[in-house]
Amino acid sequence: MNPAEEAELLRATGGPASGRNIIGETTEAIHKFLLEGYKLTDMPPRIEEEFKFVPKDREEILYIYMYRVAQNTNLMNQKRLRQAPVFVKDDPEKGGEIYYHRPPVLLDLFYLISVHSKFRSDAERLMGWVLLRLNEATHLIYRPRRFLLPDGREVDSLGRTYDAKNFEGQKVNAEGEAEDDDGLFIEKVSLALVDDLTVGDAINLFTLHEAPYRPFLTYRARVALDGPLYKSSGGATIRLPRLERTSPPTDGQGDSPNGRKRSGRGAPPATLRTPPGPKPYMLRKNADADNESED
């Protein structure tokens, strides 16, 4: 897509940003994952996002604080518009609607997780459980990717009304597509234990929040932030005229349309093969150059 076509497409009204809530949803997913897996005592620990919160006597606290957001520079893409992996076909008698978007912004979210208990040994026990529990979170969020159309509808990559509950427990292949639904793109948020803060930096962070220093862990969550979708006005038409013969045939040999020699006079040309890659839309190939006038 050249700059003129991109500017024309951007003049159309785009939809809301599809990934506008993913950062908050990732934080909520950490909370939910920890609370659902807690079975040490009858009373689960309380989760707080403010370090300065003063716990009550014998109250166990999990402090979860997102302290940094950084763009993943190793996986950056160019900002040019490209076709979005979503295909909506409202009218069976017509072709599907084509949407464009900019590549998603790949972000690393850094969380500091600290624990509190009245006795140090209880706090260390709780921290050990947090380590083991979050080690099981291979994919903190695992669901179909949600796209918001310019008219406000929520759909998946196949154009169906979005409902994450219908896809729970599905497996995906190496390309990130669900095995049960061909072409369904899955959104996955990974979580990993990292060593991102020094003790001095952590002390400064606790001091900034007027909180006592406590043992801590740092985790990195990797997310993709999808922007708005722009509806295409019909796509691009590519005309590919048939190649002309480069030279007249000779005795016993003839030239293929691309100039290569082939044995046998009058041998039929090679069978056309389907080009690799995704299914093309709005692609038209002319039978020969004379058909240009018919278009």
Protein backbone atom coordinates (compact mmCIF):
# COMPACT_ATOMS: atom_id res chain seq x y z
CA MET A 1 0.00 0.00 0.00
CA ASN A 2 1.52 3.31 -1.09
CA PRO A 3 1.27 6.53 0.99
CA ALA A 4 -1.59 7.89 -1.11
CA GLU A 5 -3.70 4.76 -0.63
CA GLU A 6 -2.88 4.75 3.07
CA ALA A 7 -3.92 8.38 3.49
CA GLU A 8 -7.18 7.69 1.67
CA LEU A 9 -7.92 4.73 3.90
CA LEU A 10 -7.15 6.68 7.08
CA ARG A 11 -9.67 9.35 6.09
CA ALA A 12 -12.36 6.77 6.71
CA THR A 13 -13.60 6.36 10.25
CA GLY A 14 -11.61 3.71 12.07
CA GLY A 15 -12.94 1.54 14.84
CA PRO A 16 -11.94 1.61 18.51
CA ALA A 17 -8.57 0.16 19.49
CA SER A 18 -8.99 -3.61 19.84
CA GLY A 19 -6.27 -3.97 22.49
CA ARG A 20 -7.12 -0.98 24.65
CA ASN A 21 -7.91 -3.15 27.72
CA ILE A 22 -5.20 -5.82 27.48
CA ILE A 23 -2.84 -4.23 30.04
CA GLY A 24 -5.52 -4.04 32.73
CA GLU A 25 -6.78 -7.51 31.82
CA THR A 26 -3.26 -8.91 32.29
CA THR A 27 -3.04 -7.49 35.82
CA GLU A 28 -6.48 -8.88 36.64
CA ALA A 29 -5.45 -12.26 35.22
CA ILE A 30 -2.49 -12.43 37.64
CA HIS A 31 -4.79 -11.70 40.57
CA LYS A 32 -7.30 -14.32 39.47
CA PHE A 33 -4.66 -16.96 38.76
CA LEU A 34 -3.14 -16.62 42.23
CA LEU A 35 -6.43 -16.61 44.11
CA GLU A 36 -7.85 -19.60 42.23
CA GLY A 37 -4.81 -21.74 43.00
CA TYR A 38 -4.44 -20.93 46.71
CA LYS A 39 -5.13 -23.96 48.91
CA LEU A 40 -2.66 -23.57 51.80
CA THR A 41 -5.18 -22.25 54.32
CA ASP A 42 -8.90 -21.62 54.50
CA MET A 43 -8.38 -17.87 54.16
CA PRO A 44 -6.60 -16.78 50.95
CA PRO A 45 -4.18 -13.84 51.17
CA ARG A 46 -5.38 -10.36 50.42
CA ILE A 47 -4.13 -8.78 47.19
CA GLU A 48 -3.10 -5.13 47.27
CA GLU A 49 -1.66 -2.87 44.58
CA GLU A 50 -0.40 -0.15 46.95
CA PHE A 51 2.81 -0.79 48.90
CA LYS A 52 1.85 1.72 51.58
CA PHE A 53 -1.16 -0.35 52.65
CA VAL A 54 -0.71 -1.28 56.35
CA PRO A 55 -1.95 -4.83 57.03
CA LYS A 56 -3.74 -5.86 60.17
CA ASP A 57 -2.32 -8.26 62.75
CA ARG A 58 -1.65 -11.74 61.28
CA GLU A 59 -3.03 -10.67 57.90
CA GLU A 60 -1.22 -12.11 54.88
CA ILE A 61 -0.84 -9.77 51.90
CA LEU A 62 0.28 -10.22 48.31
CA TYR A 63 1.47 -6.90 46.84
CA ILE A 64 1.23 -6.86 43.03
CA TYR A 65 2.50 -3.68 41.44
CA MET A 66 3.18 -2.98 37.75
CA TYR A 67 6.15 -0.62 37.84
CA ARG A 68 7.34 -0.49 34.22
CA VAL A 69 6.08 -0.82 30.63
CA ALA A 70 8.58 -1.18 27.78
CA GLN A 71 8.28 -1.83 24.07
CA ASN A 72 9.87 -5.03 22.85
CA THR A 73 12.42 -3.63 20.39
CA ASN A 74 13.48 -7.11 19.22
CA LEU A 75 10.03 -7.76 17.71
CA MET A 76 9.19 -4.32 16.35
CA ASN A 77 7.43 -4.04 13.00
CA GLN A 78 7.10 -1.21 10.53
CA LYS A 79 4.11 1.02 11.20
CA ARG A 80 2.67 0.84 7.69
CA LEU A 81 -0.89 -0.35 7.28
CA ARG A 82 -1.38 -3.98 6.32
CA GLN A 83 -4.30 -6.36 6.02
CA ALA A 84 -5.67 -7.43 9.40
CA PRO A 85 -6.14 -11.16 10.10
CA VAL A 86 -9.91 -10.82 10.29
CA PHE A 87 -12.45 -11.68 7.58
CA VAL A 88 -16.11 -10.71 7.93
CA LYS A 89 -18.68 -12.00 5.45
CA ASP A 90 -22.11 -10.61 6.33
CA ASP A 91 -23.71 -11.19 2.92
CA PRO A 92 -23.22 -14.75 1.51
CA GLU A 93 -23.79 -13.47 -2.05
CA LYS A 94 -21.02 -10.89 -1.84
CA GLY A 95 -17.33 -11.00 -1.03
CA GLY A 96 -16.14 -10.52 2.52
CA GLU A 97 -15.13 -7.21 4.01
CA ILE A 98 -11.40 -6.45 4.14
CA TYR A 99 -9.90 -4.51 7.05
CA TYR A 100 -6.48 -2.94 7.53
CA HIS A 101 -4.57 -2.07 10.68
CA ARG A 102 -1.11 -1.22 11.87
CA PRO A 103 0.96 -4.06 13.34
CA PRO A 104 0.30 -4.58 17.06
CA VAL A 105 2.60 -2.91 19.56
CA LEU A 106 4.50 -5.63 21.43
CA LEU A 107 4.97 -4.64 25.07
CA ASP A 108 6.72 -6.06 28.11
CA LEU A 109 4.88 -5.40 31.39
CA PHE A 110 7.04 -5.67 34.51
CA TYR A 111 5.43 -6.56 37.85
CA LEU A 112 6.88 -6.48 41.34
CA ILE A 113 5.30 -9.05 43.64
CA SER A 114 5.99 -8.86 47.37
CA VAL A 115 4.56 -10.70 50.36
CA HIS A 116 3.78 -9.82 53.98
CA SER A 117 2.97 -11.88 57.01
CA LYS A 118 3.32 -11.34 60.75
CA PHE A 119 6.15 -13.89 60.96
CA ARG A 120 9.03 -13.97 58.50
CA SER A 121 8.81 -17.73 58.07
CA ASP A 122 5.16 -17.43 57.02
CA ALA A 123 6.09 -14.75 54.47
CA GLU A 124 8.82 -17.01 53.07
CA ARG A 125 6.35 -19.89 52.84
CA LEU A 126 3.93 -17.68 50.94
CA MET A 127 6.67 -16.49 48.57
CA GLY A 128 7.64 -20.07 47.78
CA TRP A 129 4.05 -20.86 46.92
CA VAL A 130 3.86 -17.77 44.63
CA LEU A 131 6.96 -18.94 42.78
CA LEU A 132 5.53 -22.40 42.15
CA ARG A 133 2.07 -21.12 41.26
CA LEU A 134 3.25 -18.56 38.71
CA ASN A 135 5.63 -21.10 37.24
CA GLU A 136 2.52 -22.93 36.03
CA ALA A 137 1.26 -19.85 34.16
CA THR A 138 2.78 -20.76 30.79
CA HIS A 139 0.07 -18.65 29.15
CA LEU A 140 -1.50 -16.18 31.52
CA ILE A 141 -4.16 -15.29 28.94
CA TYR A 142 -5.20 -17.81 26.30
CA ARG A 143 -8.19 -16.93 24.15
CA PRO A 144 -9.17 -15.99 20.58
CA ARG A 145 -7.94 -12.61 19.50
CA ARG A 146 -10.69 -10.03 19.77
CA PHE A 147 -11.22 -7.44 17.03
CA LEU A 148 -13.45 -4.37 17.34
CA LEU A 149 -14.97 -3.39 14.00
CA PRO A 150 -15.59 0.27 13.09
CA ASP A 151 -19.31 -0.25 13.79
CA GLY A 152 -18.53 -1.42 17.34
CA ARG A 153 -19.07 -5.16 16.90
CA GLU A 154 -16.70 -7.60 18.62
CA VAL A 155 -15.63 -10.49 16.37
CA ASP A 156 -12.89 -13.09 16.16
CA SER A 157 -10.59 -13.54 13.16
CA LEU A 158 -13.27 -15.61 11.37
CA GLY A 159 -15.84 -12.83 11.64
CA ARG A 160 -17.97 -14.60 14.25
CA THR A 161 -19.46 -12.81 17.23
CA TYR A 162 -16.79 -12.85 19.92
CA ASP A 163 -17.37 -15.11 22.91
CA ALA A 164 -14.23 -16.37 24.66
CA LYS A 165 -16.17 -19.01 26.64
CA ASN A 166 -16.87 -20.96 23.44
CA PHE A 167 -13.15 -21.53 22.85
CA GLU A 168 -11.81 -22.49 26.27
CA GLY A 169 -9.44 -25.45 26.22
CA GLN A 170 -8.64 -25.41 22.51
CA LYS A 171 -5.17 -26.32 21.30
CA VAL A 172 -3.11 -24.17 18.92
CA ASN A 173 -0.45 -25.00 16.36
CA ALA A 174 2.94 -23.38 15.83
CA GLU A 175 1.39 -20.52 13.80
CA GLY A 176 -0.89 -19.52 16.67
CA GLU A 177 -4.06 -20.86 15.03
CA ALA A 178 -6.57 -23.05 16.80
CA GLU A 179 -6.51 -26.64 15.60
CA ASP A 180 -10.30 -26.99 15.85
CA ASP A 181 -11.05 -23.83 13.82
CA ASP A 182 -8.98 -23.27 10.70
CA GLY A 183 -7.76 -19.68 10.58
CA LEU A 184 -8.73 -18.72 14.13
CA PHE A 185 -6.03 -16.52 15.67
CA ILE A 186 -5.32 -16.98 19.37
CA GLU A 187 -4.16 -14.28 21.79
CA LYS A 188 -1.55 -15.53 24.25
CA VAL A 189 0.04 -13.54 27.09
CA SER A 190 3.16 -15.18 28.49
CA LEU A 191 4.56 -14.69 31.99
CA ALA A 192 8.19 -15.23 33.00
CA LEU A 193 10.27 -14.73 36.14
CA VAL A 194 13.01 -12.15 35.47
CA ASP A 195 15.73 -10.36 37.41
CA ASP A 196 14.82 -6.79 36.52
CA LEU A 197 15.34 -4.80 39.73
CA THR A 198 18.43 -4.53 41.89
CA VAL A 199 18.04 -4.43 45.66
CA GLY A 200 18.91 -0.73 45.62
CA ASP A 201 16.24 0.03 43.02
CA ALA A 202 13.68 -1.95 45.01
CA ILE A 203 14.57 -0.07 48.22
CA ASN A 204 14.09 3.23 46.41
CA LEU A 205 10.73 2.03 45.08
CA PHE A 206 9.51 0.99 48.54
CA THR A 207 10.80 4.24 50.03
CA LEU A 208 9.00 6.25 47.35
CA HIS A 209 5.74 4.61 48.44
CA GLU A 210 6.56 5.10 52.16
CA ALA A 211 6.48 1.35 52.71
CA PRO A 212 8.90 -0.95 54.56
CA TYR A 213 11.22 -3.06 52.45
CA ARG A 214 10.03 -6.64 51.92
CA PRO A 215 11.38 -9.57 49.86
CA PHE A 216 10.16 -9.34 46.29
CA LEU A 217 9.94 -11.07 42.91
CA THR A 218 9.85 -9.49 39.44
CA TYR A 219 7.88 -10.91 36.52
CA ARG A 220 7.56 -9.94 32.87
CA ALA A 221 4.32 -10.33 30.94
CA ARG A 222 4.50 -10.04 27.14
CA VAL A 223 1.41 -8.66 25.38
CA ALA A 224 0.38 -7.45 21.92
CA LEU A 225 -1.53 -4.17 21.76
CA ASP A 226 -3.85 -4.09 18.71
CA GLY A 227 -4.96 -0.73 17.34
CA PRO A 228 -8.09 0.28 15.38
CA LEU A 229 -9.32 -1.41 12.21
CA TYR A 230 -9.94 0.50 8.98
CA LYS A 231 -12.46 -0.86 6.50
CA SER A 232 -11.25 -1.08 2.91
CA SER A 233 -13.39 0.43 0.16
CA GLY A 234 -12.88 -2.60 -2.10
CA GLY A 235 -9.25 -3.60 -2.02
CA ALA A 236 -6.70 -3.42 -4.84
CA THR A 237 -6.99 -4.97 -8.27
CA ILE A 238 -3.80 -6.44 -9.74
CA ARG A 239 -3.71 -7.04 -13.49
CA LEU A 240 -1.25 -9.60 -14.76
CA PRO A 241 -1.34 -9.96 -18.59
CA ARG A 242 -0.19 -13.21 -20.12
CA LEU A 243 3.46 -13.24 -21.20
CA GLU A 244 4.05 -13.22 -24.97
CA ARG A 245 6.29 -15.74 -26.74
CA THR A 246 9.84 -14.42 -26.98
CA SER A 247 10.76 -16.18 -30.25
CA PRO A 248 9.07 -18.36 -32.89
CA PRO A 249 9.23 -22.13 -32.39
CA THR A 250 12.01 -24.09 -34.12
CA ASP A 251 12.10 -27.67 -35.40
CA GLY A 252 11.81 -30.05 -32.47
CA GLN A 253 11.82 -27.33 -29.84
CA GLY A 254 9.68 -24.47 -28.75
CA ASP A 255 9.89 -21.65 -26.25
CA SER A 256 7.69 -21.44 -23.19
CA PRO A 257 6.01 -18.09 -22.52
CA ASN A 258 8.75 -17.19 -20.05
CA GLY A 259 11.54 -17.89 -22.59
CA ARG A 260 12.70 -21.28 -21.39
CA LYS A 261 13.20 -24.10 -23.87
CA ARG A 262 10.87 -27.06 -23.81
CA SER A 263 11.16 -30.27 -25.79
CA GLY A 264 8.60 -31.27 -28.41
CA ARG A 265 6.81 -29.00 -30.85
CA GLY A 266 3.45 -27.92 -29.62
CA ALA A 267 3.96 -29.23 -26.09
CA PRO A 268 1.32 -27.83 -23.76
CA PRO A 269 2.48 -25.16 -21.28
CA ALA A 270 3.06 -26.09 -17.66
CA THR A 271 0.00 -26.21 -15.45
CA LEU A 272 -0.50 -23.05 -13.41
CA ARG A 273 0.10 -23.55 -9.72
CA THR A 274 -1.57 -21.83 -6.81
CA PRO A 275 0.84 -19.23 -5.39
CA PRO A 276 1.90 -19.70 -1.78
CA GLY A 277 0.68 -17.53 1.07
CA PRO A 278 -2.75 -16.49 2.34
CA LYS A 279 -5.83 -16.55 0.12
CA PRO A 280 -5.79 -13.44 -2.15
CA TYR A 281 -8.78 -11.12 -2.28
CA MET A 282 -9.74 -8.81 -5.16
CA LEU A 283 -7.06 -10.42 -7.37
CA ARG A 284 -7.87 -10.57 -11.07
CA LYS A 285 -5.62 -12.06 -13.76
CA ASN A 286 -6.24 -11.15 -17.40
CA ALA A 287 -6.25 -13.90 -20.02
CA ASP A 288 -4.09 -11.74 -22.29
CA ALA A 289 -3.16 -8.12 -22.83
CA ASP A 290 -6.17 -7.52 -25.11
CA ASN A 291 -8.54 -7.88 -22.14
CA GLU A 292 -7.34 -4.55 -20.69
CA SER A 293 -9.99 -2.80 -22.78
CA GLU A 294 -12.73 -4.94 -21.23
CA ASP A 295 -11.87 -3.70 -17.73
